Amino acid sequence: MEMFGSEFPTEIPTDNSNFQPGGDQTLYFDEKGLLQQLDYVTVGPGAHYTFDHTNFKGIVVPTFRRVVLRSP
């Protein structure tokens, strides 16, 4: 599976940027444009892995996720 990363600039407020000054988050999408992974730093580096994307009236969202600690 090929993944494409995208980073929010630090000047754009995100839900994770309040945990660490200048906190970045990186989103990874597959070739279909579906979110597969979200990396960020809170107390330590973490990653959300998303699965089981389901179509709800034309809007596709992941319905299952796992959160794990990443290596720094």
PDB file of N, CA and C in Angstrom:
ATOM      1  N   MET A   1       0.836  -1.165   0.000  1.00  0.00           N
ATOM      2  CA  MET A   1       0.000   0.000   0.000  1.00  0.00           C
ATOM      3  C   MET A   1       0.890   1.241   0.000  1.00  0.00           C
ATOM      4  N   GLU A   2       0.629   2.147  -0.910  1.00  0.00           N
ATOM      5  CA  GLU A   2       1.392   3.387  -0.977  1.00  0.00           C
ATOM      6  C   GLU A   2       0.722   4.422  -0.076  1.00  0.00           C
ATOM      7  N   MET A   3       1.537   5.166   0.668  1.00  0.00           N
ATOM      8  CA  MET A   3       1.003   6.156   1.591  1.00  0.00           C
ATOM      9  C   MET A   3       1.513   7.533   1.192  1.00  0.00           C
ATOM     10  N   PHE A   4       0.670   8.527   1.361  1.00  0.00           N
ATOM     11  CA  PHE A   4       1.024   9.905   1.080  1.00  0.00           C
ATOM     12  C   PHE A   4       0.889  10.693   2.371  1.00  0.00           C
ATOM     13  N   GLY A   5       1.943  11.396   2.761  1.00  0.00           N
ATOM     14  CA  GLY A   5       1.921  12.169   3.993  1.00  0.00           C
ATOM     15  C   GLY A   5       1.568  13.620   3.732  1.00  0.00           C
ATOM     16  N   SER A   6       0.900  14.246   4.680  1.00  0.00           N
ATOM     17  CA  SER A   6       0.552  15.655   4.594  1.00  0.00           C
ATOM     18  C   SER A   6       0.673  16.245   5.988  1.00  0.00           C
ATOM     19  N   GLU A   7       1.388  17.353   6.107  1.00  0.00           N
ATOM     20  CA  GLU A   7       1.572  17.978   7.410  1.00  0.00           C
ATOM     21  C   GLU A   7       0.836  19.297   7.478  1.00  0.00           C
ATOM     22  N   PHE A   8       0.196  19.561   8.639  1.00  0.00           N
ATOM     23  CA  PHE A   8      -0.392  20.863   8.883  1.00  0.00           C
ATOM     24  C   PHE A   8       0.712  21.802   9.348  1.00  0.00           C
ATOM     25  N   PRO A   9       0.786  23.016   8.811  1.00  0.00           N
ATOM     26  CA  PRO A   9       1.748  23.986   9.338  1.00  0.00           C
ATOM     27  C   PRO A   9       1.394  24.324  10.788  1.00  0.00           C
ATOM     28  N   THR A  10       2.395  24.699  11.568  1.00  0.00           N
ATOM     29  CA  THR A  10       2.169  24.965  12.986  1.00  0.00           C
ATOM     30  C   THR A  10       1.257  26.161  13.219  1.00  0.00           C
ATOM     31  N   GLU A  11       1.119  27.067  12.247  1.00  0.00           N
ATOM     32  CA  GLU A  11       0.230  28.219  12.444  1.00  0.00           C
ATOM     33  C   GLU A  11      -1.245  27.870  12.289  1.00  0.00           C
ATOM     34  N   ILE A  12      -1.557  26.656  11.813  1.00  0.00           N
ATOM     35  CA  ILE A  12      -2.950  26.207  11.717  1.00  0.00           C
ATOM     36  C   ILE A  12      -3.277  25.444  12.991  1.00  0.00           C
ATOM     37  N   PRO A  13      -4.230  25.951  13.793  1.00  0.00           N
ATOM     38  CA  PRO A  13      -4.563  25.242  15.035  1.00  0.00           C
ATOM     39  C   PRO A  13      -5.240  23.905  14.749  1.00  0.00           C
ATOM     40  N   THR A  14      -4.779  22.868  15.403  1.00  0.00           N
ATOM     41  CA  THR A  14      -5.379  21.543  15.283  1.00  0.00           C
ATOM     42  C   THR A  14      -5.653  21.004  16.675  1.00  0.00           C
ATOM     43  N   ASP A  15      -6.400  19.936  16.767  1.00  0.00           N
ATOM     44  CA  ASP A  15      -6.735  19.374  18.082  1.00  0.00           C
ATOM     45  C   ASP A  15      -5.508  18.860  18.812  1.00  0.00           C
ATOM     46  N   ASN A  16      -4.438  18.532  18.108  1.00  0.00           N
ATOM     47  CA  ASN A  16      -3.248  17.994  18.754  1.00  0.00           C
ATOM     48  C   ASN A  16      -2.177  19.037  19.030  1.00  0.00           C
ATOM     49  N   SER A  17      -2.274  20.227  18.433  1.00  0.00           N
ATOM     50  CA  SER A  17      -1.194  21.191  18.566  1.00  0.00           C
ATOM     51  C   SER A  17      -1.145  21.833  19.944  1.00  0.00           C
ATOM     52  N   ASN A  18      -2.186  21.699  20.741  1.00  0.00           N
ATOM     53  CA  ASN A  18      -2.183  22.297  22.074  1.00  0.00           C
ATOM     54  C   ASN A  18      -1.356  21.498  23.065  1.00  0.00           C
ATOM     55  N   PHE A  19      -1.013  20.264  22.754  1.00  0.00           N
ATOM     56  CA  PHE A  19      -0.267  19.421  23.676  1.00  0.00           C
ATOM     57  C   PHE A  19       1.211  19.788  23.720  1.00  0.00           C
ATOM     58  N   GLN A  20       1.717  20.364  22.662  1.00  0.00           N
ATOM     59  CA  GLN A  20       3.140  20.666  22.576  1.00  0.00           C
ATOM     60  C   GLN A  20       3.298  21.919  21.727  1.00  0.00           C
ATOM     61  N   PRO A  21       4.103  22.897  22.168  1.00  0.00           N
ATOM     62  CA  PRO A  21       4.305  24.093  21.345  1.00  0.00           C
ATOM     63  C   PRO A  21       4.789  23.703  19.952  1.00  0.00           C
ATOM     64  N   GLY A  22       4.100  24.208  18.943  1.00  0.00           N
ATOM     65  CA  GLY A  22       4.471  23.876  17.572  1.00  0.00           C
ATOM     66  C   GLY A  22       4.197  22.441  17.215  1.00  0.00           C
ATOM     67  N   GLY A  23       3.294  21.784  17.959  1.00  0.00           N
ATOM     68  CA  GLY A  23       3.015  20.368  17.727  1.00  0.00           C
ATOM     69  C   GLY A  23       2.501  20.116  16.324  1.00  0.00           C
ATOM     70  N   ASP A  24       3.133  19.219  15.616  1.00  0.00           N
ATOM     71  CA  ASP A  24       2.729  18.871  14.256  1.00  0.00           C
ATOM     72  C   ASP A  24       1.938  17.578  14.268  1.00  0.00           C
ATOM     73  N   GLN A  25       1.095  17.431  13.280  1.00  0.00           N
ATOM     74  CA  GLN A  25       0.463  16.144  13.045  1.00  0.00           C
ATOM     75  C   GLN A  25       0.590  15.845  11.565  1.00  0.00           C
ATOM     76  N   THR A  26       0.807  14.575  11.252  1.00  0.00           N
ATOM     77  CA  THR A  26       0.974  14.138   9.872  1.00  0.00           C
ATOM     78  C   THR A  26      -0.089  13.099   9.573  1.00  0.00           C
ATOM     79  N   LEU A  27      -0.831  13.324   8.493  1.00  0.00           N
ATOM     80  CA  LEU A  27      -1.880  12.407   8.073  1.00  0.00           C
ATOM     81  C   LEU A  27      -1.397  11.619   6.872  1.00  0.00           C
ATOM     82  N   TYR A  28      -1.683  10.317   6.858  1.00  0.00           N
ATOM     83  CA  TYR A  28      -1.288   9.436   5.751  1.00  0.00           C
ATOM     84  C   TYR A  28      -2.543   8.866   5.103  1.00  0.00           C
ATOM     85  N   PHE A  29      -2.625   9.002   3.787  1.00  0.00           N
ATOM     86  CA  PHE A  29      -3.771   8.528   3.019  1.00  0.00           C
ATOM     87  C   PHE A  29      -3.321   7.465   2.019  1.00  0.00           C
ATOM     88  N   ASP A  30      -4.215   6.525   1.721  1.00  0.00           N
ATOM     89  CA  ASP A  30      -3.887   5.514   0.713  1.00  0.00           C
ATOM     90  C   ASP A  30      -4.212   6.045  -0.676  1.00  0.00           C
ATOM     91  N   GLU A  31      -4.041   5.205  -1.681  1.00  0.00           N
ATOM     92  CA  GLU A  31      -4.252   5.621  -3.058  1.00  0.00           C
ATOM     93  C   GLU A  31      -5.698   5.991  -3.368  1.00  0.00           C
ATOM     94  N   LYS A  32      -6.638   5.583  -2.523  1.00  0.00           N
ATOM     95  CA  LYS A  32      -8.044   5.945  -2.696  1.00  0.00           C
ATOM     96  C   LYS A  32      -8.394   7.237  -1.960  1.00  0.00           C
ATOM     97  N   GLY A  33      -7.413   7.805  -1.249  1.00  0.00           N
ATOM     98  CA  GLY A  33      -7.665   9.025  -0.494  1.00  0.00           C
ATOM     99  C   GLY A  33      -8.243   8.776   0.883  1.00  0.00           C
ATOM    100  N   LEU A  34      -8.193   7.517   1.353  1.00  0.00           N
ATOM    101  CA  LEU A  34      -8.739   7.184   2.668  1.00  0.00           C
ATOM    102  C   LEU A  34      -7.658   7.318   3.738  1.00  0.00           C
ATOM    103  N   LEU A  35      -8.008   7.949   4.841  1.00  0.00           N
ATOM    104  CA  LEU A  35      -7.071   8.122   5.939  1.00  0.00           C
ATOM    105  C   LEU A  35      -6.669   6.770   6.505  1.00  0.00           C
ATOM    106  N   GLN A  36      -5.358   6.532   6.626  1.00  0.00           N
ATOM    107  CA  GLN A  36      -4.848   5.274   7.141  1.00  0.00           C
ATOM    108  C   GLN A  36      -4.112   5.452   8.461  1.00  0.00           C
ATOM    109  N   GLN A  37      -3.476   6.611   8.653  1.00  0.00           N
ATOM    110  CA  GLN A  37      -2.654   6.806   9.844  1.00  0.00           C
ATOM    111  C   GLN A  37      -2.556   8.296  10.140  1.00  0.00           C
ATOM    112  N   LEU A  38      -2.523   8.635  11.440  1.00  0.00           N
ATOM    113  CA  LEU A  38      -2.324  10.000  11.906  1.00  0.00           C
ATOM    114  C   LEU A  38      -1.237   9.968  12.967  1.00  0.00           C
ATOM    115  N   ASP A  39      -0.118  10.655  12.710  1.00  0.00           N
ATOM    116  CA  ASP A  39       0.988  10.715  13.669  1.00  0.00           C
ATOM    117  C   ASP A  39       0.998  12.081  14.335  1.00  0.00           C
ATOM    118  N   TYR A  40       1.298  12.108  15.618  1.00  0.00           N
ATOM    119  CA  TYR A  40       1.356  13.361  16.359  1.00  0.00           C
ATOM    120  C   TYR A  40       2.126  13.130  17.647  1.00  0.00           C
ATOM    121  N   VAL A  41       2.375  14.212  18.381  1.00  0.00           N
ATOM    122  CA  VAL A  41       3.067  14.115  19.661  1.00  0.00           C
ATOM    123  C   VAL A  41       2.177  14.734  20.732  1.00  0.00           C
ATOM    124  N   THR A  42       1.916  13.992  21.790  1.00  0.00           N
ATOM    125  CA  THR A  42       1.196  14.522  22.957  1.00  0.00           C
ATOM    126  C   THR A  42       2.171  14.426  24.115  1.00  0.00           C
ATOM    127  N   VAL A  43       1.962  13.493  24.990  1.00  0.00           N
ATOM    128  CA  VAL A  43       2.925  13.234  26.056  1.00  0.00           C
ATOM    129  C   VAL A  43       4.144  12.534  25.459  1.00  0.00           C
ATOM    130  N   GLY A  44       3.902  11.718  24.455  1.00  0.00           N
ATOM    131  CA  GLY A  44       4.937  11.026  23.691  1.00  0.00           C
ATOM    132  C   GLY A  44       4.433  10.892  22.271  1.00  0.00           C
ATOM    133  N   PRO A  45       5.267  10.426  21.336  1.00  0.00           N
ATOM    134  CA  PRO A  45       4.812  10.296  19.955  1.00  0.00           C
ATOM    135  C   PRO A  45       3.794   9.166  19.806  1.00  0.00           C
ATOM    136  N   GLY A  46       2.671   9.476  19.194  1.00  0.00           N
ATOM    137  CA  GLY A  46       1.620   8.480  19.011  1.00  0.00           C
ATOM    138  C   GLY A  46       1.198   8.391  17.558  1.00  0.00           C
ATOM    139  N   ALA A  47       0.466   7.347  17.240  1.00  0.00           N
ATOM    140  CA  ALA A  47      -0.073   7.160  15.890  1.00  0.00           C
ATOM    141  C   ALA A  47      -1.457   6.538  15.991  1.00  0.00           C
ATOM    142  N   HIS A  48      -2.388   7.062  15.206  1.00  0.00           N
ATOM    143  CA  HIS A  48      -3.716   6.471  15.049  1.00  0.00           C
ATOM    144  C   HIS A  48      -3.696   5.705  13.737  1.00  0.00           C
ATOM    145  N   TYR A  49      -4.088   4.446  13.755  1.00  0.00           N
ATOM    146  CA  TYR A  49      -4.256   3.654  12.542  1.00  0.00           C
ATOM    147  C   TYR A  49      -5.747   3.429  12.359  1.00  0.00           C
ATOM    148  N   THR A  50      -6.266   3.742  11.167  1.00  0.00           N
ATOM    149  CA  THR A  50      -7.700   3.639  10.927  1.00  0.00           C
ATOM    150  C   THR A  50      -7.999   2.512   9.941  1.00  0.00           C
ATOM    151  N   PHE A  51      -9.133   1.840  10.166  1.00  0.00           N
ATOM    152  CA  PHE A  51      -9.525   0.669   9.378  1.00  0.00           C
ATOM    153  C   PHE A  51     -11.034   0.691   9.127  1.00  0.00           C
ATOM    154  N   ASP A  52     -11.479  -0.288   8.381  1.00  0.00           N
ATOM    155  CA  ASP A  52     -12.901  -0.533   8.139  1.00  0.00           C
ATOM    156  C   ASP A  52     -13.651   0.726   7.700  1.00  0.00           C
ATOM    157  N   HIS A  53     -13.164   1.341   6.620  1.00  0.00           N
ATOM    158  CA  HIS A  53     -13.830   2.520   6.080  1.00  0.00           C
ATOM    159  C   HIS A  53     -15.202   2.123   5.551  1.00  0.00           C
ATOM    160  N   THR A  54     -16.211   2.889   5.946  1.00  0.00           N
ATOM    161  CA  THR A  54     -17.594   2.589   5.585  1.00  0.00           C
ATOM    162  C   THR A  54     -18.230   3.821   4.950  1.00  0.00           C
ATOM    163  N   ASN A  55     -19.037   3.585   3.924  1.00  0.00           N
ATOM    164  CA  ASN A  55     -19.732   4.659   3.221  1.00  0.00           C
ATOM    165  C   ASN A  55     -21.083   4.918   3.882  1.00  0.00           C
ATOM    166  N   PHE A  56     -21.260   6.127   4.392  1.00  0.00           N
ATOM    167  CA  PHE A  56     -22.531   6.553   4.983  1.00  0.00           C
ATOM    168  C   PHE A  56     -23.104   7.661   4.114  1.00  0.00           C
ATOM    169  N   LYS A  57     -24.033   7.290   3.227  1.00  0.00           N
ATOM    170  CA  LYS A  57     -24.681   8.243   2.326  1.00  0.00           C
ATOM    171  C   LYS A  57     -23.674   9.102   1.574  1.00  0.00           C
ATOM    172  N   GLY A  58     -22.627   8.472   1.070  1.00  0.00           N
ATOM    173  CA  GLY A  58     -21.643   9.155   0.254  1.00  0.00           C
ATOM    174  C   GLY A  58     -20.439   9.703   1.005  1.00  0.00           C
ATOM    175  N   ILE A  59     -20.447   9.638   2.330  1.00  0.00           N
ATOM    176  CA  ILE A  59     -19.311  10.092   3.125  1.00  0.00           C
ATOM    177  C   ILE A  59     -18.612   8.860   3.694  1.00  0.00           C
ATOM    178  N   VAL A  60     -17.339   8.677   3.327  1.00  0.00           N
ATOM    179  CA  VAL A  60     -16.583   7.503   3.761  1.00  0.00           C
ATOM    180  C   VAL A  60     -15.758   7.865   4.989  1.00  0.00           C
ATOM    181  N   VAL A  61     -15.977   7.128   6.078  1.00  0.00           N
ATOM    182  CA  VAL A  61     -15.242   7.367   7.321  1.00  0.00           C
ATOM    183  C   VAL A  61     -14.738   6.042   7.882  1.00  0.00           C
ATOM    184  N   PRO A  62     -13.579   6.080   8.565  1.00  0.00           N
ATOM    185  CA  PRO A  62     -13.102   4.865   9.228  1.00  0.00           C
ATOM    186  C   PRO A  62     -13.960   4.602  10.460  1.00  0.00           C
ATOM    187  N   THR A  63     -14.325   3.352  10.675  1.00  0.00           N
ATOM    188  CA  THR A  63     -15.180   3.014  11.816  1.00  0.00           C
ATOM    189  C   THR A  63     -14.422   2.259  12.910  1.00  0.00           C
ATOM    190  N   PHE A  64     -13.132   2.064  12.708  1.00  0.00           N
ATOM    191  CA  PHE A  64     -12.312   1.342  13.681  1.00  0.00           C
ATOM    192  C   PHE A  64     -10.925   1.961  13.691  1.00  0.00           C
ATOM    193  N   ARG A  65     -10.335   2.129  14.866  1.00  0.00           N
ATOM    194  CA  ARG A  65      -8.982   2.671  14.932  1.00  0.00           C
ATOM    195  C   ARG A  65      -8.221   2.075  16.102  1.00  0.00           C
ATOM    196  N   ARG A  66      -6.917   2.117  15.970  1.00  0.00           N
ATOM    197  CA  ARG A  66      -6.005   1.700  17.038  1.00  0.00           C
ATOM    198  C   ARG A  66      -5.025   2.841  17.267  1.00  0.00           C
ATOM    199  N   VAL A  67      -4.719   3.115  18.520  1.00  0.00           N
ATOM    200  CA  VAL A  67      -3.761   4.158  18.871  1.00  0.00           C
ATOM    201  C   VAL A  67      -2.568   3.465  19.530  1.00  0.00           C
ATOM    202  N   VAL A  68      -1.376   3.755  19.016  1.00  0.00           N
ATOM    203  CA  VAL A  68      -0.171   3.113  19.526  1.00  0.00           C
ATOM    204  C   VAL A  68       0.905   4.172  19.775  1.00  0.00           C
ATOM    205  N   LEU A  69       1.863   3.836  20.622  1.00  0.00           N
ATOM    206  CA  LEU A  69       3.023   4.671  20.877  1.00  0.00           C
ATOM    207  C   LEU A  69       4.025   4.457  19.752  1.00  0.00           C
ATOM    208  N   ARG A  70       4.544   5.546  19.165  1.00  0.00           N
ATOM    209  CA  ARG A  70       5.556   5.461  18.115  1.00  0.00           C
ATOM    210  C   ARG A  70       6.935   5.636  18.715  1.00  0.00           C
ATOM    211  N   SER A  71       7.940   5.173  18.008  1.00  0.00           N
ATOM    212  CA  SER A  71       9.325   5.445  18.387  1.00  0.00           C
ATOM    213  C   SER A  71       9.600   6.922  18.113  1.00  0.00           C
ATOM    214  N   PRO A  72      10.373   7.596  18.971  1.00  0.00           N
ATOM    215  CA  PRO A  72      10.648   9.025  18.730  1.00  0.00           C
ATOM    216  C   PRO A  72      11.396   9.251  17.438  1.00  0.00           C
TER     217      PRO A  72
END
